[in-house]
Amino acid sequence: MNRIMLTCLEATKLTVQKSFRKLSFTEKLQLKMHHTVCHACRKFDAQNTFIDHAVRTYIESTEKNNELKLSDHRKKVISDAIHEV
């Protein structure tokens, strides 16, 4: 991704990845530029942010009540699967 303008597929990947890692300055700039011209990717970003917030809120509330527990192995499996995207 060393071009300035991203494809929608590249923008979507970065949108998902930013939930799990800090994007570089270049990646943030590329994503921002893509969002200025692509309404669909901008909408996807907003929806992804909403879902991330909802899931995090749910997990935090259930962890407080000891209702949700994942083993460290299961967390790693999920994390690895996400990073493959």
PDB file of N, CA and C in Angstrom:
ATOM      1  N   MET A   1       0.829  -1.200   0.000  1.00  0.00           N
ATOM      2  CA  MET A   1       0.000   0.000   0.000  1.00  0.00           C
ATOM      3  C   MET A   1       0.870   1.260   0.000  1.00  0.00           C
ATOM      4  N   ASN A   2       1.759   1.353  -0.925  1.00  0.00           N
ATOM      5  CA  ASN A   2       2.606   2.535  -0.955  1.00  0.00           C
ATOM      6  C   ASN A   2       2.106   3.577  -1.943  1.00  0.00           C
ATOM      7  N   ARG A   3       0.930   3.357  -2.533  1.00  0.00           N
ATOM      8  CA  ARG A   3       0.308   4.397  -3.344  1.00  0.00           C
ATOM      9  C   ARG A   3      -0.427   5.355  -2.417  1.00  0.00           C
ATOM     10  N   ILE A   4      -0.748   6.505  -2.943  1.00  0.00           N
ATOM     11  CA  ILE A   4      -1.459   7.482  -2.120  1.00  0.00           C
ATOM     12  C   ILE A   4      -2.925   7.109  -1.979  1.00  0.00           C
ATOM     13  N   MET A   5      -3.601   6.767  -3.077  1.00  0.00           N
ATOM     14  CA  MET A   5      -5.026   6.454  -3.026  1.00  0.00           C
ATOM     15  C   MET A   5      -5.237   4.947  -2.883  1.00  0.00           C
ATOM     16  N   LEU A   6      -6.008   4.587  -1.885  1.00  0.00           N
ATOM     17  CA  LEU A   6      -6.312   3.189  -1.619  1.00  0.00           C
ATOM     18  C   LEU A   6      -7.479   2.710  -2.462  1.00  0.00           C
ATOM     19  N   THR A   7      -7.516   1.409  -2.709  1.00  0.00           N
ATOM     20  CA  THR A   7      -8.728   0.804  -3.272  1.00  0.00           C
ATOM     21  C   THR A   7      -9.721   0.624  -2.125  1.00  0.00           C
ATOM     22  N   CYS A   8     -10.949   0.324  -2.454  1.00  0.00           N
ATOM     23  CA  CYS A   8     -11.947   0.092  -1.404  1.00  0.00           C
ATOM     24  C   CYS A   8     -11.566  -1.126  -0.555  1.00  0.00           C
ATOM     25  N   LEU A   9     -11.008  -2.160  -1.161  1.00  0.00           N
ATOM     26  CA  LEU A   9     -10.598  -3.343  -0.412  1.00  0.00           C
ATOM     27  C   LEU A   9      -9.507  -2.983   0.594  1.00  0.00           C
ATOM     28  N   GLU A  10      -8.523  -2.206   0.182  1.00  0.00           N
ATOM     29  CA  GLU A  10      -7.455  -1.785   1.086  1.00  0.00           C
ATOM     30  C   GLU A  10      -7.994  -0.898   2.210  1.00  0.00           C
ATOM     31  N   ALA A  11      -8.907  -0.006   1.863  1.00  0.00           N
ATOM     32  CA  ALA A  11      -9.506   0.880   2.869  1.00  0.00           C
ATOM     33  C   ALA A  11     -10.305   0.070   3.888  1.00  0.00           C
ATOM     34  N   THR A  12     -11.031  -0.919   3.410  1.00  0.00           N
ATOM     35  CA  THR A  12     -11.811  -1.774   4.304  1.00  0.00           C
ATOM     36  C   THR A  12     -10.898  -2.534   5.256  1.00  0.00           C
ATOM     37  N   LYS A  13      -9.800  -3.072   4.736  1.00  0.00           N
ATOM     38  CA  LYS A  13      -8.845  -3.798   5.592  1.00  0.00           C
ATOM     39  C   LYS A  13      -8.287  -2.881   6.674  1.00  0.00           C
ATOM     40  N   LEU A  14      -7.905  -1.670   6.300  1.00  0.00           N
ATOM     41  CA  LEU A  14      -7.369  -0.737   7.294  1.00  0.00           C
ATOM     42  C   LEU A  14      -8.427  -0.348   8.316  1.00  0.00           C
ATOM     43  N   THR A  15      -9.653  -0.187   7.871  1.00  0.00           N
ATOM     44  CA  THR A  15     -10.743   0.165   8.782  1.00  0.00           C
ATOM     45  C   THR A  15     -10.906  -0.916   9.841  1.00  0.00           C
ATOM     46  N   VAL A  16     -10.857  -2.168   9.443  1.00  0.00           N
ATOM     47  CA  VAL A  16     -10.986  -3.269  10.394  1.00  0.00           C
ATOM     48  C   VAL A  16      -9.744  -3.346  11.283  1.00  0.00           C
ATOM     49  N   GLN A  17      -8.570  -3.199  10.687  1.00  0.00           N
ATOM     50  CA  GLN A  17      -7.328  -3.310  11.455  1.00  0.00           C
ATOM     51  C   GLN A  17      -7.179  -2.214  12.498  1.00  0.00           C
ATOM     52  N   LYS A  18      -7.716  -1.030  12.239  1.00  0.00           N
ATOM     53  CA  LYS A  18      -7.538   0.062  13.204  1.00  0.00           C
ATOM     54  C   LYS A  18      -8.257  -0.206  14.526  1.00  0.00           C
ATOM     55  N   SER A  19      -9.134  -1.198  14.539  1.00  0.00           N
ATOM     56  CA  SER A  19      -9.771  -1.601  15.787  1.00  0.00           C
ATOM     57  C   SER A  19      -8.816  -2.398  16.668  1.00  0.00           C
ATOM     58  N   PHE A  20      -7.756  -2.934  16.061  1.00  0.00           N
ATOM     59  CA  PHE A  20      -6.878  -3.850  16.779  1.00  0.00           C
ATOM     60  C   PHE A  20      -5.425  -3.394  16.866  1.00  0.00           C
ATOM     61  N   ARG A  21      -5.078  -2.395  16.091  1.00  0.00           N
ATOM     62  CA  ARG A  21      -3.710  -1.884  16.137  1.00  0.00           C
ATOM     63  C   ARG A  21      -3.709  -0.415  15.749  1.00  0.00           C
ATOM     64  N   LYS A  22      -2.635   0.255  16.121  1.00  0.00           N
ATOM     65  CA  LYS A  22      -2.495   1.663  15.782  1.00  0.00           C
ATOM     66  C   LYS A  22      -2.006   1.763  14.338  1.00  0.00           C
ATOM     67  N   LEU A  23      -2.724   2.522  13.523  1.00  0.00           N
ATOM     68  CA  LEU A  23      -2.311   2.711  12.135  1.00  0.00           C
ATOM     69  C   LEU A  23      -1.147   3.686  12.075  1.00  0.00           C
ATOM     70  N   SER A  24      -0.309   3.504  11.078  1.00  0.00           N
ATOM     71  CA  SER A  24       0.804   4.435  10.878  1.00  0.00           C
ATOM     72  C   SER A  24       0.244   5.765  10.368  1.00  0.00           C
ATOM     73  N   PHE A  25       1.067   6.782  10.415  1.00  0.00           N
ATOM     74  CA  PHE A  25       0.651   8.090   9.918  1.00  0.00           C
ATOM     75  C   PHE A  25       0.226   7.991   8.450  1.00  0.00           C
ATOM     76  N   THR A  26       1.012   7.276   7.658  1.00  0.00           N
ATOM     77  CA  THR A  26       0.709   7.122   6.228  1.00  0.00           C
ATOM     78  C   THR A  26      -0.623   6.403   6.032  1.00  0.00           C
ATOM     79  N   GLU A  27      -0.852   5.330   6.792  1.00  0.00           N
ATOM     80  CA  GLU A  27      -2.109   4.598   6.670  1.00  0.00           C
ATOM     81  C   GLU A  27      -3.297   5.477   7.047  1.00  0.00           C
ATOM     82  N   LYS A  28      -3.151   6.252   8.123  1.00  0.00           N
ATOM     83  CA  LYS A  28      -4.236   7.158   8.529  1.00  0.00           C
ATOM     84  C   LYS A  28      -4.531   8.170   7.435  1.00  0.00           C
ATOM     85  N   LEU A  29      -3.474   8.726   6.844  1.00  0.00           N
ATOM     86  CA  LEU A  29      -3.635   9.713   5.780  1.00  0.00           C
ATOM     87  C   LEU A  29      -4.298   9.095   4.557  1.00  0.00           C
ATOM     88  N   GLN A  30      -3.846   7.916   4.166  1.00  0.00           N
ATOM     89  CA  GLN A  30      -4.441   7.231   3.018  1.00  0.00           C
ATOM     90  C   GLN A  30      -5.922   6.944   3.258  1.00  0.00           C
ATOM     91  N   LEU A  31      -6.239   6.492   4.459  1.00  0.00           N
ATOM     92  CA  LEU A  31      -7.630   6.168   4.780  1.00  0.00           C
ATOM     93  C   LEU A  31      -8.485   7.433   4.776  1.00  0.00           C
ATOM     94  N   LYS A  32      -7.962   8.496   5.336  1.00  0.00           N
ATOM     95  CA  LYS A  32      -8.702   9.763   5.359  1.00  0.00           C
ATOM     96  C   LYS A  32      -8.951  10.272   3.935  1.00  0.00           C
ATOM     97  N   MET A  33      -7.934  10.175   3.090  1.00  0.00           N
ATOM     98  CA  MET A  33      -8.092  10.614   1.697  1.00  0.00           C
ATOM     99  C   MET A  33      -9.126   9.764   0.976  1.00  0.00           C
ATOM    100  N   HIS A  34      -9.091   8.461   1.207  1.00  0.00           N
ATOM    101  CA  HIS A  34     -10.067   7.575   0.565  1.00  0.00           C
ATOM    102  C   HIS A  34     -11.477   7.905   1.034  1.00  0.00           C
ATOM    103  N   HIS A  35     -11.622   8.162   2.325  1.00  0.00           N
ATOM    104  CA  HIS A  35     -12.949   8.479   2.871  1.00  0.00           C
ATOM    105  C   HIS A  35     -13.499   9.790   2.329  1.00  0.00           C
ATOM    106  N   THR A  36     -12.643  10.703   1.902  1.00  0.00           N
ATOM    107  CA  THR A  36     -13.145  11.970   1.353  1.00  0.00           C
ATOM    108  C   THR A  36     -13.831  11.772   0.005  1.00  0.00           C
ATOM    109  N   VAL A  37     -13.491  10.685  -0.689  1.00  0.00           N
ATOM    110  CA  VAL A  37     -14.083  10.460  -2.017  1.00  0.00           C
ATOM    111  C   VAL A  37     -15.006   9.251  -2.080  1.00  0.00           C
ATOM    112  N   CYS A  38     -15.014   8.420  -1.041  1.00  0.00           N
ATOM    113  CA  CYS A  38     -15.807   7.191  -1.100  1.00  0.00           C
ATOM    114  C   CYS A  38     -16.824   7.138   0.043  1.00  0.00           C
ATOM    115  N   HIS A  39     -18.050   7.392  -0.297  1.00  0.00           N
ATOM    116  CA  HIS A  39     -19.130   7.397   0.694  1.00  0.00           C
ATOM    117  C   HIS A  39     -19.340   6.000   1.298  1.00  0.00           C
ATOM    118  N   ALA A  40     -19.240   4.963   0.479  1.00  0.00           N
ATOM    119  CA  ALA A  40     -19.487   3.599   0.963  1.00  0.00           C
ATOM    120  C   ALA A  40     -18.471   3.196   2.033  1.00  0.00           C
ATOM    121  N   CYS A  41     -17.210   3.504   1.811  1.00  0.00           N
ATOM    122  CA  CYS A  41     -16.174   3.153   2.795  1.00  0.00           C
ATOM    123  C   CYS A  41     -16.290   4.013   4.049  1.00  0.00           C
ATOM    124  N   ARG A  42     -16.694   5.263   3.876  1.00  0.00           N
ATOM    125  CA  ARG A  42     -16.913   6.146   5.027  1.00  0.00           C
ATOM    126  C   ARG A  42     -18.057   5.589   5.874  1.00  0.00           C
ATOM    127  N   LYS A  43     -19.113   5.115   5.215  1.00  0.00           N
ATOM    128  CA  LYS A  43     -20.258   4.521   5.912  1.00  0.00           C
ATOM    129  C   LYS A  43     -19.844   3.222   6.618  1.00  0.00           C
ATOM    130  N   PHE A  44     -19.040   2.402   5.926  1.00  0.00           N
ATOM    131  CA  PHE A  44     -18.553   1.162   6.533  1.00  0.00           C
ATOM    132  C   PHE A  44     -17.739   1.474   7.778  1.00  0.00           C
ATOM    133  N   ASP A  45     -16.908   2.494   7.724  1.00  0.00           N
ATOM    134  CA  ASP A  45     -16.090   2.889   8.871  1.00  0.00           C
ATOM    135  C   ASP A  45     -16.987   3.272  10.054  1.00  0.00           C
ATOM    136  N   ALA A  46     -18.016   4.037   9.781  1.00  0.00           N
ATOM    137  CA  ALA A  46     -18.936   4.452  10.845  1.00  0.00           C
ATOM    138  C   ALA A  46     -19.643   3.238  11.451  1.00  0.00           C
ATOM    139  N   GLN A  47     -20.078   2.319  10.598  1.00  0.00           N
ATOM    140  CA  GLN A  47     -20.752   1.115  11.092  1.00  0.00           C
ATOM    141  C   GLN A  47     -19.803   0.234  11.891  1.00  0.00           C
ATOM    142  N   ASN A  48     -18.572   0.107  11.418  1.00  0.00           N
ATOM    143  CA  ASN A  48     -17.573  -0.698  12.120  1.00  0.00           C
ATOM    144  C   ASN A  48     -17.268  -0.097  13.490  1.00  0.00           C
ATOM    145  N   THR A  49     -17.149   1.216  13.554  1.00  0.00           N
ATOM    146  CA  THR A  49     -16.897   1.898  14.822  1.00  0.00           C
ATOM    147  C   THR A  49     -18.052   1.651  15.792  1.00  0.00           C
ATOM    148  N   PHE A  50     -19.275   1.737  15.293  1.00  0.00           N
ATOM    149  CA  PHE A  50     -20.455   1.490  16.120  1.00  0.00           C
ATOM    150  C   PHE A  50     -20.447   0.062  16.670  1.00  0.00           C
ATOM    151  N   ILE A  51     -20.172  -0.916  15.801  1.00  0.00           N
ATOM    152  CA  ILE A  51     -20.155  -2.317  16.224  1.00  0.00           C
ATOM    153  C   ILE A  51     -19.039  -2.552  17.241  1.00  0.00           C
ATOM    154  N   ASP A  52     -17.851  -2.000  16.985  1.00  0.00           N
ATOM    155  CA  ASP A  52     -16.742  -2.128  17.942  1.00  0.00           C
ATOM    156  C   ASP A  52     -17.133  -1.606  19.308  1.00  0.00           C
ATOM    157  N   HIS A  53     -17.743  -0.442  19.335  1.00  0.00           N
ATOM    158  CA  HIS A  53     -18.160   0.158  20.603  1.00  0.00           C
ATOM    159  C   HIS A  53     -19.195  -0.714  21.304  1.00  0.00           C
ATOM    160  N   ALA A  54     -20.167  -1.214  20.544  1.00  0.00           N
ATOM    161  CA  ALA A  54     -21.212  -2.055  21.133  1.00  0.00           C
ATOM    162  C   ALA A  54     -20.622  -3.340  21.715  1.00  0.00           C
ATOM    163  N   VAL A  55     -19.716  -3.970  20.986  1.00  0.00           N
ATOM    164  CA  VAL A  55     -19.104  -5.215  21.456  1.00  0.00           C
ATOM    165  C   VAL A  55     -18.254  -4.949  22.693  1.00  0.00           C
ATOM    166  N   ARG A  56     -17.446  -3.897  22.659  1.00  0.00           N
ATOM    167  CA  ARG A  56     -16.604  -3.574  23.814  1.00  0.00           C
ATOM    168  C   ARG A  56     -17.454  -3.275  25.050  1.00  0.00           C
ATOM    169  N   THR A  57     -18.540  -2.543  24.865  1.00  0.00           N
ATOM    170  CA  THR A  57     -19.438  -2.228  25.968  1.00  0.00           C
ATOM    171  C   THR A  57     -20.055  -3.508  26.537  1.00  0.00           C
ATOM    172  N   TYR A  58     -20.481  -4.404  25.664  1.00  0.00           N
ATOM    173  CA  TYR A  58     -21.067  -5.672  26.099  1.00  0.00           C
ATOM    174  C   TYR A  58     -20.042  -6.502  26.871  1.00  0.00           C
ATOM    175  N   ILE A  59     -18.846  -6.601  26.322  1.00  0.00           N
ATOM    176  CA  ILE A  59     -17.799  -7.395  26.978  1.00  0.00           C
ATOM    177  C   ILE A  59     -17.458  -6.811  28.349  1.00  0.00           C
ATOM    178  N   GLU A  60     -17.314  -5.495  28.415  1.00  0.00           N
ATOM    179  CA  GLU A  60     -17.005  -4.862  29.696  1.00  0.00           C
ATOM    180  C   GLU A  60     -18.095  -5.114  30.721  1.00  0.00           C
ATOM    181  N   SER A  61     -19.353  -5.032  30.297  1.00  0.00           N
ATOM    182  CA  SER A  61     -20.449  -5.229  31.246  1.00  0.00           C
ATOM    183  C   SER A  61     -20.544  -6.679  31.696  1.00  0.00           C
ATOM    184  N   THR A  62     -20.286  -7.620  30.803  1.00  0.00           N
ATOM    185  CA  THR A  62     -20.375  -9.027  31.195  1.00  0.00           C
ATOM    186  C   THR A  62     -19.161  -9.464  32.002  1.00  0.00           C
ATOM    187  N   GLU A  63     -17.998  -8.868  31.730  1.00  0.00           N
ATOM    188  CA  GLU A  63     -16.808  -9.201  32.522  1.00  0.00           C
ATOM    189  C   GLU A  63     -16.984  -8.755  33.974  1.00  0.00           C
ATOM    190  N   LYS A  64     -17.630  -7.619  34.174  1.00  0.00           N
ATOM    191  CA  LYS A  64     -17.869  -7.130  35.533  1.00  0.00           C
ATOM    192  C   LYS A  64     -18.720  -8.107  36.319  1.00  0.00           C
ATOM    193  N   ASN A  65     -19.609  -8.811  35.634  1.00  0.00           N
ATOM    194  CA  ASN A  65     -20.504  -9.760  36.289  1.00  0.00           C
ATOM    195  C   ASN A  65     -20.023 -11.203  36.162  1.00  0.00           C
ATOM    196  N   ASN A  66     -18.784 -11.376  35.677  1.00  0.00           N
ATOM    197  CA  ASN A  66     -18.213 -12.710  35.465  1.00  0.00           C
ATOM    198  C   ASN A  66     -19.084 -13.591  34.580  1.00  0.00           C
ATOM    199  N   GLU A  67     -19.757 -12.987  33.623  1.00  0.00           N
ATOM    200  CA  GLU A  67     -20.623 -13.758  32.745  1.00  0.00           C
ATOM    201  C   GLU A  67     -19.910 -14.236  31.489  1.00  0.00           C
ATOM    202  N   LEU A  68     -18.799 -13.605  31.146  1.00  0.00           N
ATOM    203  CA  LEU A  68     -18.111 -13.948  29.913  1.00  0.00           C
ATOM    204  C   LEU A  68     -16.642 -14.204  30.212  1.00  0.00           C
ATOM    205  N   LYS A  69     -16.189 -15.389  29.938  1.00  0.00           N
ATOM    206  CA  LYS A  69     -14.787 -15.728  30.146  1.00  0.00           C
ATOM    207  C   LYS A  69     -14.285 -16.511  28.941  1.00  0.00           C
ATOM    208  N   LEU A  70     -13.206 -16.024  28.341  1.00  0.00           N
ATOM    209  CA  LEU A  70     -12.541 -16.754  27.269  1.00  0.00           C
ATOM    210  C   LEU A  70     -11.171 -17.186  27.781  1.00  0.00           C
ATOM    211  N   SER A  71     -10.775 -18.380  27.412  1.00  0.00           N
ATOM    212  CA  SER A  71      -9.446 -18.835  27.801  1.00  0.00           C
ATOM    213  C   SER A  71      -8.405 -18.024  27.027  1.00  0.00           C
ATOM    214  N   ASP A  72      -7.195 -17.980  27.543  1.00  0.00           N
ATOM    215  CA  ASP A  72      -6.126 -17.268  26.847  1.00  0.00           C
ATOM    216  C   ASP A  72      -5.887 -17.862  25.468  1.00  0.00           C
ATOM    217  N   HIS A  73      -6.000 -19.189  25.366  1.00  0.00           N
ATOM    218  CA  HIS A  73      -5.824 -19.852  24.066  1.00  0.00           C
ATOM    219  C   HIS A  73      -6.885 -19.380  23.072  1.00  0.00           C
ATOM    220  N   ARG A  74      -8.129 -19.328  23.513  1.00  0.00           N
ATOM    221  CA  ARG A  74      -9.224 -18.908  22.621  1.00  0.00           C
ATOM    222  C   ARG A  74      -9.044 -17.454  22.198  1.00  0.00           C
ATOM    223  N   LYS A  75      -8.612 -16.589  23.119  1.00  0.00           N
ATOM    224  CA  LYS A  75      -8.351 -15.189  22.786  1.00  0.00           C
ATOM    225  C   LYS A  75      -7.280 -15.087  21.708  1.00  0.00           C
ATOM    226  N   LYS A  76      -6.219 -15.918  21.826  1.00  0.00           N
ATOM    227  CA  LYS A  76      -5.145 -15.896  20.848  1.00  0.00           C
ATOM    228  C   LYS A  76      -5.640 -16.367  19.479  1.00  0.00           C
ATOM    229  N   VAL A  77      -6.449 -17.416  19.469  1.00  0.00           N
ATOM    230  CA  VAL A  77      -6.998 -17.929  18.209  1.00  0.00           C
ATOM    231  C   VAL A  77      -7.816 -16.839  17.510  1.00  0.00           C
ATOM    232  N   ILE A  78      -8.655 -16.146  18.263  1.00  0.00           N
ATOM    233  CA  ILE A  78      -9.477 -15.077  17.698  1.00  0.00           C
ATOM    234  C   ILE A  78      -8.600 -13.932  17.212  1.00  0.00           C
ATOM    235  N   SER A  79      -7.629 -13.531  18.016  1.00  0.00           N
ATOM    236  CA  SER A  79      -6.727 -12.440  17.647  1.00  0.00           C
ATOM    237  C   SER A  79      -5.946 -12.789  16.384  1.00  0.00           C
ATOM    238  N   ASP A  80      -5.426 -14.004  16.294  1.00  0.00           N
ATOM    239  CA  ASP A  80      -4.683 -14.420  15.107  1.00  0.00           C
ATOM    240  C   ASP A  80      -5.553 -14.417  13.864  1.00  0.00           C
ATOM    241  N   ALA A  81      -6.787 -14.860  14.006  1.00  0.00           N
ATOM    242  CA  ALA A  81      -7.710 -14.887  12.870  1.00  0.00           C
ATOM    243  C   ALA A  81      -8.007 -13.468  12.383  1.00  0.00           C
ATOM    244  N   ILE A  82      -8.144 -12.537  13.302  1.00  0.00           N
ATOM    245  CA  ILE A  82      -8.433 -11.159  12.939  1.00  0.00           C
ATOM    246  C   ILE A  82      -7.244 -10.545  12.221  1.00  0.00           C
ATOM    247  N   HIS A  83      -6.041 -10.820  12.691  1.00  0.00           N
ATOM    248  CA  HIS A  83      -4.852 -10.234  12.097  1.00  0.00           C
ATOM    249  C   HIS A  83      -4.521 -10.793  10.728  1.00  0.00           C
ATOM    250  N   GLU A  84      -5.105 -11.946  10.372  1.00  0.00           N
ATOM    251  CA  GLU A  84      -4.903 -12.515   9.050  1.00  0.00           C
ATOM    252  C   GLU A  84      -5.687 -11.764   7.982  1.00  0.00           C
ATOM    253  N   VAL A  85      -6.694 -11.018   8.403  1.00  0.00           N
ATOM    254  CA  VAL A  85      -7.540 -10.277   7.451  1.00  0.00           C
ATOM    255  C   VAL A  85      -6.779  -9.235   6.781  1.00  0.00           C
TER     256      VAL A  85
END
